[in-house]
Amino acid sequence: MRRRYDRLLGDVAELVAILAGRVAALEAEVERLRAEREAPGSGRRSDG
């Protein structure tokens, strides 16, 4: 039974690491899009 839980904990840890990587990538994309939107000459105004 212990091995089963150890394996499940390992699986959860792997999924958490994958999810954290995806969240970091999305945060970077949001920052890039915000900077693009607020850049001078972008043709868009910031609603702030």
Protein backbone atom coordinates (compact mmCIF):
# COMPACT_ATOMS: atom_id res chain seq x y z
CA MET A 1 0.00 0.00 0.00
CA ARG A 2 2.86 2.38 0.78
CA ARG A 3 4.30 2.01 -2.72
CA ARG A 4 0.95 2.89 -4.23
CA TYR A 5 0.77 6.14 -2.26
CA ASP A 6 4.39 6.96 -3.05
CA ARG A 7 3.65 6.52 -6.76
CA LEU A 8 0.50 8.65 -6.51
CA LEU A 9 2.41 11.39 -4.68
CA GLY A 10 5.05 11.29 -7.39
CA ASP A 11 2.37 11.62 -10.06
CA VAL A 12 0.81 14.57 -8.24
CA ALA A 13 4.19 16.27 -7.88
CA GLU A 14 4.85 15.84 -11.60
CA LEU A 15 1.46 17.28 -12.51
CA VAL A 16 1.97 20.23 -10.17
CA ALA A 17 5.35 20.96 -11.78
CA ILE A 18 3.80 20.83 -15.27
CA LEU A 19 0.96 23.10 -14.20
CA ALA A 20 3.37 25.57 -12.60
CA GLY A 21 5.31 25.75 -15.86
CA ARG A 22 2.15 26.44 -17.82
CA VAL A 23 1.04 29.13 -15.37
CA ALA A 24 4.45 30.82 -15.64
CA ALA A 25 4.24 30.75 -19.44
CA LEU A 26 0.74 32.24 -19.36
CA GLU A 27 1.82 34.98 -16.95
CA ALA A 28 4.66 35.89 -19.31
CA GLU A 29 2.23 35.96 -22.24
CA VAL A 30 -0.16 38.24 -20.34
CA GLU A 31 2.69 40.63 -19.53
CA ARG A 32 3.79 40.64 -23.17
CA LEU A 33 0.26 41.37 -24.36
CA ARG A 34 -0.17 44.15 -21.79
CA ALA A 35 3.08 45.75 -22.87
CA GLU A 36 2.06 45.45 -26.52
CA ARG A 37 -1.34 47.01 -25.82
CA GLU A 38 0.15 49.91 -23.87
CA ALA A 39 3.03 50.56 -26.26
CA PRO A 40 3.05 53.96 -27.96
CA GLY A 41 1.75 53.77 -31.50
CA SER A 42 -0.06 50.50 -30.92
CA GLY A 43 -3.31 52.11 -32.06
CA ARG A 44 -5.06 51.16 -28.89
CA ARG A 45 -5.80 53.17 -25.84
CA SER A 46 -5.40 51.93 -22.32
CA ASP A 47 -8.65 51.81 -20.36
CA GLY A 48 -6.60 51.35 -17.21
